[in-house]
Amino acid sequence: MVRLNEDKAVVQAVQEGLKRKGGYCPCRIERTEEYKCICREFRRQIADPEFEGYCHCRLYYKSKD
């Protein structure tokens, strides 16, 4: 299950950064398809049934259940 971070301030800051960068991760310098939200790194983590944790910029959290 993937959900937004429970910290509303983090969510707001990251969403504002996404708007400024046209949907690319605000935590990364480069604007490549790899860093388009939801980034390739987190999509791979989501696919791993054993992974539990936040995406790179902490916008999303993936739990095992």
N, C-alpha and C. Protein backbone atom coordinates (compact mmCIF):
# COMPACT_ATOMS: atom_id res chain seq x y z
N MET A 1 0.85 -1.18 0.00
CA MET A 1 0.00 0.00 0.00
C MET A 1 0.89 1.24 0.00
N VAL A 2 0.63 2.16 -0.89
CA VAL A 2 1.38 3.41 -0.99
C VAL A 2 0.48 4.55 -0.56
N ARG A 3 1.01 5.41 0.30
CA ARG A 3 0.23 6.55 0.80
C ARG A 3 1.14 7.78 0.88
N LEU A 4 0.51 8.93 1.04
CA LEU A 4 1.27 10.16 1.26
C LEU A 4 1.88 10.15 2.66
N ASN A 5 2.98 10.84 2.81
CA ASN A 5 3.59 11.05 4.11
C ASN A 5 2.55 11.68 5.04
N GLU A 6 2.54 11.27 6.28
CA GLU A 6 1.57 11.82 7.24
C GLU A 6 1.92 13.25 7.67
N ASP A 7 3.16 13.66 7.45
CA ASP A 7 3.60 15.02 7.80
C ASP A 7 3.14 15.97 6.70
N LYS A 8 2.09 16.71 6.98
CA LYS A 8 1.49 17.60 5.98
C LYS A 8 2.46 18.68 5.49
N ALA A 9 3.36 19.12 6.35
CA ALA A 9 4.33 20.15 5.94
C ALA A 9 5.29 19.59 4.90
N VAL A 10 5.72 18.35 5.05
CA VAL A 10 6.58 17.71 4.07
C VAL A 10 5.84 17.56 2.75
N VAL A 11 4.61 17.08 2.82
CA VAL A 11 3.79 16.90 1.61
C VAL A 11 3.63 18.22 0.87
N GLN A 12 3.30 19.28 1.59
CA GLN A 12 3.11 20.58 0.97
C GLN A 12 4.40 21.07 0.31
N ALA A 13 5.52 20.95 1.01
CA ALA A 13 6.80 21.42 0.47
C ALA A 13 7.18 20.65 -0.79
N VAL A 14 7.02 19.33 -0.76
CA VAL A 14 7.39 18.52 -1.92
C VAL A 14 6.45 18.80 -3.09
N GLN A 15 5.16 18.93 -2.81
CA GLN A 15 4.20 19.21 -3.89
C GLN A 15 4.47 20.57 -4.52
N GLU A 16 4.84 21.55 -3.73
CA GLU A 16 5.20 22.86 -4.28
C GLU A 16 6.45 22.75 -5.16
N GLY A 17 7.42 21.95 -4.69
CA GLY A 17 8.63 21.72 -5.48
C GLY A 17 8.32 21.02 -6.79
N LEU A 18 7.41 20.05 -6.76
CA LEU A 18 7.00 19.34 -7.98
C LEU A 18 6.36 20.31 -8.97
N LYS A 19 5.55 21.21 -8.48
CA LYS A 19 4.92 22.21 -9.36
C LYS A 19 5.98 23.10 -10.01
N ARG A 20 6.94 23.55 -9.21
CA ARG A 20 8.01 24.42 -9.73
C ARG A 20 8.86 23.71 -10.78
N LYS A 21 9.04 22.41 -10.61
CA LYS A 21 9.93 21.66 -11.51
C LYS A 21 9.16 20.85 -12.55
N GLY A 22 7.90 21.14 -12.73
CA GLY A 22 7.14 20.48 -13.79
C GLY A 22 6.92 18.99 -13.58
N GLY A 23 6.82 18.56 -12.33
CA GLY A 23 6.56 17.16 -12.04
C GLY A 23 7.80 16.33 -11.79
N TYR A 24 8.96 16.95 -11.90
CA TYR A 24 10.20 16.24 -11.62
C TYR A 24 10.55 16.39 -10.14
N CYS A 25 11.22 15.37 -9.61
CA CYS A 25 11.57 15.35 -8.19
C CYS A 25 12.30 16.63 -7.79
N PRO A 26 11.79 17.35 -6.80
CA PRO A 26 12.44 18.59 -6.38
C PRO A 26 13.74 18.34 -5.63
N CYS A 27 14.00 17.09 -5.26
CA CYS A 27 15.22 16.75 -4.53
C CYS A 27 16.39 16.43 -5.46
N ARG A 28 16.14 16.42 -6.76
CA ARG A 28 17.17 16.07 -7.74
C ARG A 28 17.46 17.27 -8.63
N ILE A 29 18.68 17.37 -9.07
CA ILE A 29 19.08 18.48 -9.94
C ILE A 29 18.62 18.25 -11.37
N GLU A 30 18.86 17.03 -11.87
CA GLU A 30 18.53 16.73 -13.26
C GLU A 30 17.03 16.55 -13.46
N ARG A 31 16.57 16.90 -14.64
CA ARG A 31 15.17 16.67 -15.02
C ARG A 31 15.15 15.60 -16.12
N THR A 32 15.13 14.36 -15.68
CA THR A 32 15.09 13.23 -16.61
C THR A 32 13.87 12.38 -16.29
N GLU A 33 13.49 11.53 -17.22
CA GLU A 33 12.33 10.65 -17.00
C GLU A 33 12.51 9.79 -15.75
N GLU A 34 13.75 9.48 -15.44
CA GLU A 34 14.05 8.69 -14.25
C GLU A 34 13.56 9.39 -12.98
N TYR A 35 13.56 10.72 -13.00
CA TYR A 35 13.20 11.50 -11.82
C TYR A 35 11.81 12.12 -11.89
N LYS A 36 11.02 11.73 -12.87
CA LYS A 36 9.63 12.21 -12.96
C LYS A 36 8.84 11.49 -11.87
N CYS A 37 8.07 12.22 -11.09
CA CYS A 37 7.32 11.66 -9.97
C CYS A 37 6.17 10.78 -10.48
N ILE A 38 6.01 9.64 -10.03
CA ILE A 38 6.74 8.82 -9.06
C ILE A 38 8.01 8.30 -9.74
N CYS A 39 9.15 8.55 -9.13
CA CYS A 39 10.43 8.27 -9.77
C CYS A 39 10.67 6.77 -9.98
N ARG A 40 11.57 6.49 -10.88
CA ARG A 40 11.90 5.09 -11.22
C ARG A 40 12.38 4.33 -9.99
N GLU A 41 13.19 4.98 -9.16
CA GLU A 41 13.71 4.34 -7.96
C GLU A 41 12.57 3.84 -7.07
N PHE A 42 11.57 4.69 -6.83
CA PHE A 42 10.47 4.29 -5.95
C PHE A 42 9.56 3.28 -6.62
N ARG A 43 9.37 3.36 -7.94
CA ARG A 43 8.57 2.35 -8.64
C ARG A 43 9.19 0.97 -8.46
N ARG A 44 10.51 0.91 -8.51
CA ARG A 44 11.20 -0.36 -8.27
C ARG A 44 11.02 -0.82 -6.83
N GLN A 45 11.08 0.12 -5.90
CA GLN A 45 10.89 -0.24 -4.50
C GLN A 45 9.46 -0.73 -4.26
N ILE A 46 8.50 -0.09 -4.89
CA ILE A 46 7.10 -0.50 -4.76
C ILE A 46 6.93 -1.95 -5.25
N ALA A 47 7.64 -2.30 -6.30
CA ALA A 47 7.53 -3.64 -6.87
C ALA A 47 8.13 -4.72 -5.96
N ASP A 48 8.98 -4.34 -5.05
CA ASP A 48 9.61 -5.29 -4.13
C ASP A 48 8.67 -5.54 -2.95
N PRO A 49 8.15 -6.76 -2.81
CA PRO A 49 7.20 -7.04 -1.73
C PRO A 49 7.82 -6.91 -0.34
N GLU A 50 9.13 -6.93 -0.25
CA GLU A 50 9.80 -6.82 1.05
C GLU A 50 10.13 -5.38 1.44
N PHE A 51 10.01 -4.45 0.50
CA PHE A 51 10.37 -3.06 0.79
C PHE A 51 9.27 -2.38 1.59
N GLU A 52 9.68 -1.64 2.61
CA GLU A 52 8.79 -0.77 3.35
C GLU A 52 9.57 0.50 3.66
N GLY A 53 9.01 1.66 3.30
CA GLY A 53 9.69 2.91 3.59
C GLY A 53 9.26 4.03 2.66
N TYR A 54 9.97 5.15 2.79
CA TYR A 54 9.66 6.37 2.04
C TYR A 54 10.39 6.40 0.70
N CYS A 55 9.82 7.14 -0.23
CA CYS A 55 10.50 7.44 -1.47
C CYS A 55 11.63 8.43 -1.16
N HIS A 56 12.44 8.72 -2.17
CA HIS A 56 13.61 9.58 -1.99
C HIS A 56 13.27 10.93 -1.35
N CYS A 57 12.22 11.58 -1.81
CA CYS A 57 11.88 12.92 -1.31
C CYS A 57 10.91 12.89 -0.13
N ARG A 58 10.51 11.68 0.28
CA ARG A 58 9.66 11.46 1.45
C ARG A 58 8.20 11.88 1.23
N LEU A 59 7.79 12.02 -0.03
CA LEU A 59 6.40 12.35 -0.31
C LEU A 59 5.51 11.13 -0.08
N TYR A 60 5.98 9.97 -0.52
CA TYR A 60 5.20 8.73 -0.42
C TYR A 60 5.83 7.74 0.54
N TYR A 61 4.96 6.91 1.11
CA TYR A 61 5.41 5.82 1.99
C TYR A 61 4.78 4.54 1.52
N LYS A 62 5.58 3.48 1.41
CA LYS A 62 5.05 2.18 1.00
C LYS A 62 5.14 1.24 2.20
N SER A 63 3.99 0.67 2.56
CA SER A 63 3.97 -0.33 3.64
C SER A 63 3.79 -1.70 3.03
N LYS A 64 4.14 -2.72 3.77
CA LYS A 64 4.05 -4.09 3.28
C LYS A 64 2.61 -4.59 3.22
N ASP A 65 1.75 -4.07 4.05
CA ASP A 65 0.37 -4.59 4.08
C ASP A 65 -0.58 -3.92 3.14
